[in-house]
Amino acid sequence: MNTPLIALVGVAACAGLATASQSTPTNTPQLQESAPAGPFATLTIDLSGVESWDWFNDPDNYYASYNLMPDAHIVGVGWDLTIETAGASWMSEVFIDIRNTNSTGGVSLNPGFNAAYPGIESFSSDGIISIVGNGDFFLNNNGMLHLTVYEGWDDNDDAVDATFLAGSVLYVQYVVPAPATLTMLGLGGFMATRRRR
């Protein structure tokens, strides 16, 4: 398996994707020694069969939303993906964007950024990579995480450029906000009391 460094492109960089040149990753996060306090949860997203079509914000692209927790702090990402390209499209042109509802926070991932050729290849982050201090963000009070799969360079206008094959998974790690933590602890204590009787 090819194990690339994660390539993150900030929300502001998405505007630059509309130019006629290939997107270039702007920064590479380092593993962080410290993490935010609070219990972690991980959303596992099955991307098997999801197709990458066109430039960012094109209506042909794959869009999905996930209801997590209001004000959840997104602190890590990971992936185990197999990408198959169509025609002359490169694996390095496939991006996965995750962001909050009003786009004040988010990251674009480019797992195959060093695979500047067509074909089929697997990519793994080898676990969750911390993005704390280098792309972490908070969800809005509606708790929605939005995902888009798009092309950084569109070789096949209005057609599929790449497909995630069976077993392709994206992981999004987040910190459960404090009020929800207290609620969960309270419910856990209630359940423990109920079981003792």
C-alpha atoms as a PDB file:
ATOM      1  CA  MET A   1       0.000   0.000   0.000  1.00  0.00           C
ATOM      2  CA  ASN A   2       1.109   3.482  -0.769  1.00  0.00           C
ATOM      3  CA  THR A   3       1.223   5.552   2.454  1.00  0.00           C
ATOM      4  CA  PRO A   4       1.283   9.221   1.485  1.00  0.00           C
ATOM      5  CA  LEU A   5       1.571  12.130   3.836  1.00  0.00           C
ATOM      6  CA  ILE A   6      -1.810  13.758   4.217  1.00  0.00           C
ATOM      7  CA  ALA A   7      -2.358  16.776   2.033  1.00  0.00           C
ATOM      8  CA  LEU A   8      -4.729  19.374   3.430  1.00  0.00           C
ATOM      9  CA  VAL A   9      -5.960  22.343   1.536  1.00  0.00           C
ATOM     10  CA  GLY A  10      -7.802  24.925   3.647  1.00  0.00           C
ATOM     11  CA  VAL A  11     -11.290  26.136   2.864  1.00  0.00           C
ATOM     12  CA  ALA A  12      -9.978  29.353   1.330  1.00  0.00           C
ATOM     13  CA  ALA A  13      -7.907  27.379  -1.166  1.00  0.00           C
ATOM     14  CA  CYS A  14     -11.018  25.865  -2.747  1.00  0.00           C
ATOM     15  CA  ALA A  15     -11.542  29.060  -4.752  1.00  0.00           C
ATOM     16  CA  GLY A  16      -8.203  28.424  -6.464  1.00  0.00           C
ATOM     17  CA  LEU A  17      -9.390  25.070  -7.770  1.00  0.00           C
ATOM     18  CA  ALA A  18     -11.421  26.751 -10.506  1.00  0.00           C
ATOM     19  CA  THR A  19      -8.284  27.679 -12.416  1.00  0.00           C
ATOM     20  CA  ALA A  20      -6.972  25.593 -15.294  1.00  0.00           C
ATOM     21  CA  SER A  21      -4.086  24.067 -13.397  1.00  0.00           C
ATOM     22  CA  GLN A  22      -3.742  21.094 -11.120  1.00  0.00           C
ATOM     23  CA  SER A  23      -4.250  21.719  -7.387  1.00  0.00           C
ATOM     24  CA  THR A  24      -1.150  21.542  -5.251  1.00  0.00           C
ATOM     25  CA  PRO A  25      -1.291  20.596  -1.561  1.00  0.00           C
ATOM     26  CA  THR A  26      -0.350  23.621   0.521  1.00  0.00           C
ATOM     27  CA  ASN A  27       0.607  22.084   3.844  1.00  0.00           C
ATOM     28  CA  THR A  28       1.266  18.814   5.565  1.00  0.00           C
ATOM     29  CA  PRO A  29       0.155  18.293   9.168  1.00  0.00           C
ATOM     30  CA  GLN A  30       2.493  16.865  11.757  1.00  0.00           C
ATOM     31  CA  LEU A  31       1.339  14.405  14.374  1.00  0.00           C
ATOM     32  CA  GLN A  32       0.432  16.377  17.473  1.00  0.00           C
ATOM     33  CA  GLU A  33       1.669  15.533  20.963  1.00  0.00           C
ATOM     34  CA  SER A  34      -1.285  17.154  22.723  1.00  0.00           C
ATOM     35  CA  ALA A  35      -4.949  16.690  21.929  1.00  0.00           C
ATOM     36  CA  PRO A  36      -8.069  18.502  23.092  1.00  0.00           C
ATOM     37  CA  ALA A  37      -9.590  17.306  26.354  1.00  0.00           C
ATOM     38  CA  GLY A  38     -12.769  15.226  26.193  1.00  0.00           C
ATOM     39  CA  PRO A  39     -13.860  11.863  24.893  1.00  0.00           C
ATOM     40  CA  PHE A  40     -13.226  11.096  21.246  1.00  0.00           C
ATOM     41  CA  ALA A  41     -15.680   9.584  18.789  1.00  0.00           C
ATOM     42  CA  THR A  42     -14.976   8.462  15.228  1.00  0.00           C
ATOM     43  CA  LEU A  43     -17.349   8.638  12.292  1.00  0.00           C
ATOM     44  CA  THR A  44     -16.635   5.887   9.742  1.00  0.00           C
ATOM     45  CA  ILE A  45     -17.813   6.747   6.224  1.00  0.00           C
ATOM     46  CA  ASP A  46     -18.021   4.004   3.597  1.00  0.00           C
ATOM     47  CA  LEU A  47     -17.019   5.550   0.254  1.00  0.00           C
ATOM     48  CA  SER A  48     -17.257   2.283  -1.731  1.00  0.00           C
ATOM     49  CA  GLY A  49     -18.723   3.041  -5.159  1.00  0.00           C
ATOM     50  CA  VAL A  50     -18.563   6.835  -4.717  1.00  0.00           C
ATOM     51  CA  GLU A  51     -17.493   8.620  -7.893  1.00  0.00           C
ATOM     52  CA  SER A  52     -15.412  11.743  -8.400  1.00  0.00           C
ATOM     53  CA  TRP A  53     -16.797  13.819 -11.253  1.00  0.00           C
ATOM     54  CA  ASP A  54     -15.949  17.472 -11.675  1.00  0.00           C
ATOM     55  CA  TRP A  55     -14.465  20.642 -10.140  1.00  0.00           C
ATOM     56  CA  PHE A  56     -15.383  21.727  -6.610  1.00  0.00           C
ATOM     57  CA  ASN A  57     -19.053  22.818  -6.238  1.00  0.00           C
ATOM     58  CA  ASP A  58     -20.144  21.147  -9.485  1.00  0.00           C
ATOM     59  CA  PRO A  59     -23.660  19.668  -9.106  1.00  0.00           C
ATOM     60  CA  ASP A  60     -22.481  16.317 -10.565  1.00  0.00           C
ATOM     61  CA  ASN A  61     -20.187  15.684  -7.579  1.00  0.00           C
ATOM     62  CA  TYR A  62     -20.985  13.391  -4.650  1.00  0.00           C
ATOM     63  CA  TYR A  63     -22.372  15.253  -1.630  1.00  0.00           C
ATOM     64  CA  ALA A  64     -23.359  13.824   1.768  1.00  0.00           C
ATOM     65  CA  SER A  65     -24.147  15.230   5.213  1.00  0.00           C
ATOM     66  CA  TYR A  66     -23.729  13.551   8.591  1.00  0.00           C
ATOM     67  CA  ASN A  67     -25.407  14.581  11.827  1.00  0.00           C
ATOM     68  CA  LEU A  68     -22.770  14.388  14.571  1.00  0.00           C
ATOM     69  CA  MET A  69     -22.989  16.561  17.691  1.00  0.00           C
ATOM     70  CA  PRO A  70     -23.615  20.320  17.907  1.00  0.00           C
ATOM     71  CA  ASP A  71     -20.309  22.190  18.207  1.00  0.00           C
ATOM     72  CA  ALA A  72     -18.240  18.997  17.860  1.00  0.00           C
ATOM     73  CA  HIS A  73     -14.508  19.638  17.371  1.00  0.00           C
ATOM     74  CA  ILE A  74     -13.087  17.817  14.315  1.00  0.00           C
ATOM     75  CA  VAL A  75      -9.544  16.833  15.340  1.00  0.00           C
ATOM     76  CA  GLY A  76      -8.423  13.952  13.125  1.00  0.00           C
ATOM     77  CA  VAL A  77      -8.886  12.159   9.822  1.00  0.00           C
ATOM     78  CA  GLY A  78      -7.831   8.851   8.374  1.00  0.00           C
ATOM     79  CA  TRP A  79      -8.511   6.731   5.329  1.00  0.00           C
ATOM     80  CA  ASP A  80      -8.172   3.337   3.704  1.00  0.00           C
ATOM     81  CA  LEU A  81      -9.080   3.949   0.067  1.00  0.00           C
ATOM     82  CA  THR A  82      -8.704   2.261  -3.293  1.00  0.00           C
ATOM     83  CA  ILE A  83      -9.054   4.627  -6.237  1.00  0.00           C
ATOM     84  CA  GLU A  84      -9.656   3.618  -9.845  1.00  0.00           C
ATOM     85  CA  THR A  85      -9.379   6.376 -12.421  1.00  0.00           C
ATOM     86  CA  ALA A  86     -11.167   6.710 -15.758  1.00  0.00           C
ATOM     87  CA  GLY A  87      -9.312   7.540 -18.948  1.00  0.00           C
ATOM     88  CA  ALA A  88      -6.409   9.946 -18.490  1.00  0.00           C
ATOM     89  CA  SER A  89      -7.453  11.087 -14.986  1.00  0.00           C
ATOM     90  CA  TRP A  90      -4.793  10.797 -12.292  1.00  0.00           C
ATOM     91  CA  MET A  91      -5.316   9.472  -8.773  1.00  0.00           C
ATOM     92  CA  SER A  92      -3.701  12.672  -7.456  1.00  0.00           C
ATOM     93  CA  GLU A  93      -6.662  14.681  -8.785  1.00  0.00           C
ATOM     94  CA  VAL A  94      -9.224  13.162  -6.374  1.00  0.00           C
ATOM     95  CA  PHE A  95     -10.138  15.304  -3.351  1.00  0.00           C
ATOM     96  CA  ILE A  96     -12.414  14.720  -0.348  1.00  0.00           C
ATOM     97  CA  ASP A  97     -13.705  17.880   1.319  1.00  0.00           C
ATOM     98  CA  ILE A  98     -15.222  17.915   4.823  1.00  0.00           C
ATOM     99  CA  ARG A  99     -16.564  21.117   6.387  1.00  0.00           C
ATOM    100  CA  ASN A 100     -19.131  22.644   8.695  1.00  0.00           C
ATOM    101  CA  THR A 101     -22.452  24.113   7.545  1.00  0.00           C
ATOM    102  CA  ASN A 102     -21.448  27.732   7.010  1.00  0.00           C
ATOM    103  CA  SER A 103     -17.986  26.854   5.611  1.00  0.00           C
ATOM    104  CA  THR A 104     -16.107  28.643   8.395  1.00  0.00           C
ATOM    105  CA  GLY A 105     -14.109  25.486   8.995  1.00  0.00           C
ATOM    106  CA  GLY A 106     -13.083  22.478   6.954  1.00  0.00           C
ATOM    107  CA  VAL A 107     -10.326  20.648   5.139  1.00  0.00           C
ATOM    108  CA  SER A 108      -9.830  19.111   1.720  1.00  0.00           C
ATOM    109  CA  LEU A 109      -7.966  15.806   1.674  1.00  0.00           C
ATOM    110  CA  ASN A 110      -5.905  14.578  -1.261  1.00  0.00           C
ATOM    111  CA  PRO A 111      -4.934  11.004  -0.270  1.00  0.00           C
ATOM    112  CA  GLY A 112      -3.287  10.154  -3.599  1.00  0.00           C
ATOM    113  CA  PHE A 113      -1.437  13.445  -4.014  1.00  0.00           C
ATOM    114  CA  ASN A 114       1.809  11.760  -5.073  1.00  0.00           C
ATOM    115  CA  ALA A 115       0.145   9.402  -7.583  1.00  0.00           C
ATOM    116  CA  ALA A 116       0.333  11.583 -10.699  1.00  0.00           C
ATOM    117  CA  TYR A 117      -0.773   8.825 -13.058  1.00  0.00           C
ATOM    118  CA  PRO A 118      -3.941   6.894 -13.983  1.00  0.00           C
ATOM    119  CA  GLY A 119      -4.792   3.387 -12.780  1.00  0.00           C
ATOM    120  CA  ILE A 120      -5.884   1.581  -9.632  1.00  0.00           C
ATOM    121  CA  GLU A 121      -4.077   1.995  -6.331  1.00  0.00           C
ATOM    122  CA  SER A 122      -4.725   1.771  -2.586  1.00  0.00           C
ATOM    123  CA  PHE A 123      -3.882   4.563  -0.144  1.00  0.00           C
ATOM    124  CA  SER A 124      -3.857   4.439   3.649  1.00  0.00           C
ATOM    125  CA  SER A 125      -3.203   6.978   6.374  1.00  0.00           C
ATOM    126  CA  ASP A 126      -2.254   4.074   8.681  1.00  0.00           C
ATOM    127  CA  GLY A 127      -4.683   5.276  11.347  1.00  0.00           C
ATOM    128  CA  ILE A 128      -6.066   8.606  12.452  1.00  0.00           C
ATOM    129  CA  ILE A 129      -3.853  11.628  11.772  1.00  0.00           C
ATOM    130  CA  SER A 130      -4.291  14.561  14.128  1.00  0.00           C
ATOM    131  CA  ILE A 131      -5.149  17.859  12.443  1.00  0.00           C
ATOM    132  CA  VAL A 132      -5.106  19.824  15.715  1.00  0.00           C
ATOM    133  CA  GLY A 133      -3.490  23.190  15.033  1.00  0.00           C
ATOM    134  CA  ASN A 134      -3.364  22.440  11.321  1.00  0.00           C
ATOM    135  CA  GLY A 135      -6.896  22.282   9.983  1.00  0.00           C
ATOM    136  CA  ASP A 136      -9.038  21.304  12.986  1.00  0.00           C
ATOM    137  CA  PHE A 137     -12.450  22.974  13.084  1.00  0.00           C
ATOM    138  CA  PHE A 138     -15.759  23.057  14.923  1.00  0.00           C
ATOM    139  CA  LEU A 139     -19.164  22.074  13.606  1.00  0.00           C
ATOM    140  CA  ASN A 140     -21.950  24.605  13.919  1.00  0.00           C
ATOM    141  CA  ASN A 141     -24.735  24.248  16.463  1.00  0.00           C
ATOM    142  CA  ASN A 142     -26.677  22.073  14.001  1.00  0.00           C
ATOM    143  CA  GLY A 143     -23.962  19.386  14.323  1.00  0.00           C
ATOM    144  CA  MET A 144     -23.780  18.745  10.566  1.00  0.00           C
ATOM    145  CA  LEU A 145     -20.611  17.591   8.795  1.00  0.00           C
ATOM    146  CA  HIS A 146     -20.721  17.981   5.006  1.00  0.00           C
ATOM    147  CA  LEU A 147     -18.648  15.852   2.629  1.00  0.00           C
ATOM    148  CA  THR A 148     -17.921  16.443  -1.063  1.00  0.00           C
ATOM    149  CA  VAL A 149     -15.834  14.334  -3.450  1.00  0.00           C
ATOM    150  CA  TYR A 150     -14.431  16.353  -6.353  1.00  0.00           C
ATOM    151  CA  GLU A 151     -11.636  16.664  -8.901  1.00  0.00           C
ATOM    152  CA  GLY A 152      -8.698  19.055  -8.542  1.00  0.00           C
ATOM    153  CA  TRP A 153      -8.265  18.788 -12.313  1.00  0.00           C
ATOM    154  CA  ASP A 154     -11.201  17.698 -14.467  1.00  0.00           C
ATOM    155  CA  ASP A 155     -10.070  15.513 -17.366  1.00  0.00           C
ATOM    156  CA  ASN A 156     -13.554  14.204 -18.217  1.00  0.00           C
ATOM    157  CA  ASP A 157     -16.006  17.111 -18.196  1.00  0.00           C
ATOM    158  CA  ASP A 158     -19.448  16.030 -16.904  1.00  0.00           C
ATOM    159  CA  ALA A 159     -18.281  12.429 -16.614  1.00  0.00           C
ATOM    160  CA  VAL A 160     -16.703  10.189 -13.967  1.00  0.00           C
ATOM    161  CA  ASP A 161     -12.985  10.768 -13.436  1.00  0.00           C
ATOM    162  CA  ALA A 162     -12.444   8.268 -10.608  1.00  0.00           C
ATOM    163  CA  THR A 163     -14.268   5.762  -8.380  1.00  0.00           C
ATOM    164  CA  PHE A 164     -13.574   4.563  -4.843  1.00  0.00           C
ATOM    165  CA  LEU A 165     -13.607   0.760  -4.955  1.00  0.00           C
ATOM    166  CA  ALA A 166     -15.058  -1.701  -2.411  1.00  0.00           C
ATOM    167  CA  GLY A 167     -13.689  -1.331   1.101  1.00  0.00           C
ATOM    168  CA  SER A 168     -12.859   2.380   0.751  1.00  0.00           C
ATOM    169  CA  VAL A 169     -13.390   4.096   4.099  1.00  0.00           C
ATOM    170  CA  LEU A 170     -12.865   7.611   5.492  1.00  0.00           C
ATOM    171  CA  TYR A 171     -12.541   8.200   9.252  1.00  0.00           C
ATOM    172  CA  VAL A 172     -13.360  11.516  10.931  1.00  0.00           C
ATOM    173  CA  GLN A 173     -12.390  11.838  14.590  1.00  0.00           C
ATOM    174  CA  TYR A 174     -14.047  14.442  16.780  1.00  0.00           C
ATOM    175  CA  VAL A 175     -14.216  15.510  20.407  1.00  0.00           C
ATOM    176  CA  VAL A 176     -17.639  15.166  21.994  1.00  0.00           C
ATOM    177  CA  PRO A 177     -18.581  18.596  23.444  1.00  0.00           C
ATOM    178  CA  ALA A 178     -18.720  18.924  27.231  1.00  0.00           C
ATOM    179  CA  PRO A 179     -22.528  19.223  27.725  1.00  0.00           C
ATOM    180  CA  ALA A 180     -23.061  16.057  25.686  1.00  0.00           C
ATOM    181  CA  THR A 181     -20.349  14.346  27.718  1.00  0.00           C
ATOM    182  CA  LEU A 182     -22.138  15.152  30.967  1.00  0.00           C
ATOM    183  CA  THR A 183     -25.416  13.893  29.507  1.00  0.00           C
ATOM    184  CA  MET A 184     -23.778  10.630  28.430  1.00  0.00           C
ATOM    185  CA  LEU A 185     -22.170  10.194  31.855  1.00  0.00           C
ATOM    186  CA  GLY A 186     -25.506  10.904  33.521  1.00  0.00           C
ATOM    187  CA  LEU A 187     -27.275   8.350  31.345  1.00  0.00           C
ATOM    188  CA  GLY A 188     -24.488   5.853  32.007  1.00  0.00           C
ATOM    189  CA  GLY A 189     -24.891   6.376  35.758  1.00  0.00           C
ATOM    190  CA  PHE A 190     -28.649   5.990  35.428  1.00  0.00           C
ATOM    191  CA  MET A 191     -28.225   2.744  33.495  1.00  0.00           C
ATOM    192  CA  ALA A 192     -25.713   1.428  36.046  1.00  0.00           C
ATOM    193  CA  THR A 193     -28.167   2.216  38.848  1.00  0.00           C
ATOM    194  CA  ARG A 194     -30.969   0.472  36.975  1.00  0.00           C
ATOM    195  CA  ARG A 195     -28.857  -2.686  36.433  1.00  0.00           C
ATOM    196  CA  ARG A 196     -27.988  -3.053  40.111  1.00  0.00           C
ATOM    197  CA  ARG A 197     -31.594  -3.495  41.190  1.00  0.00           C
END
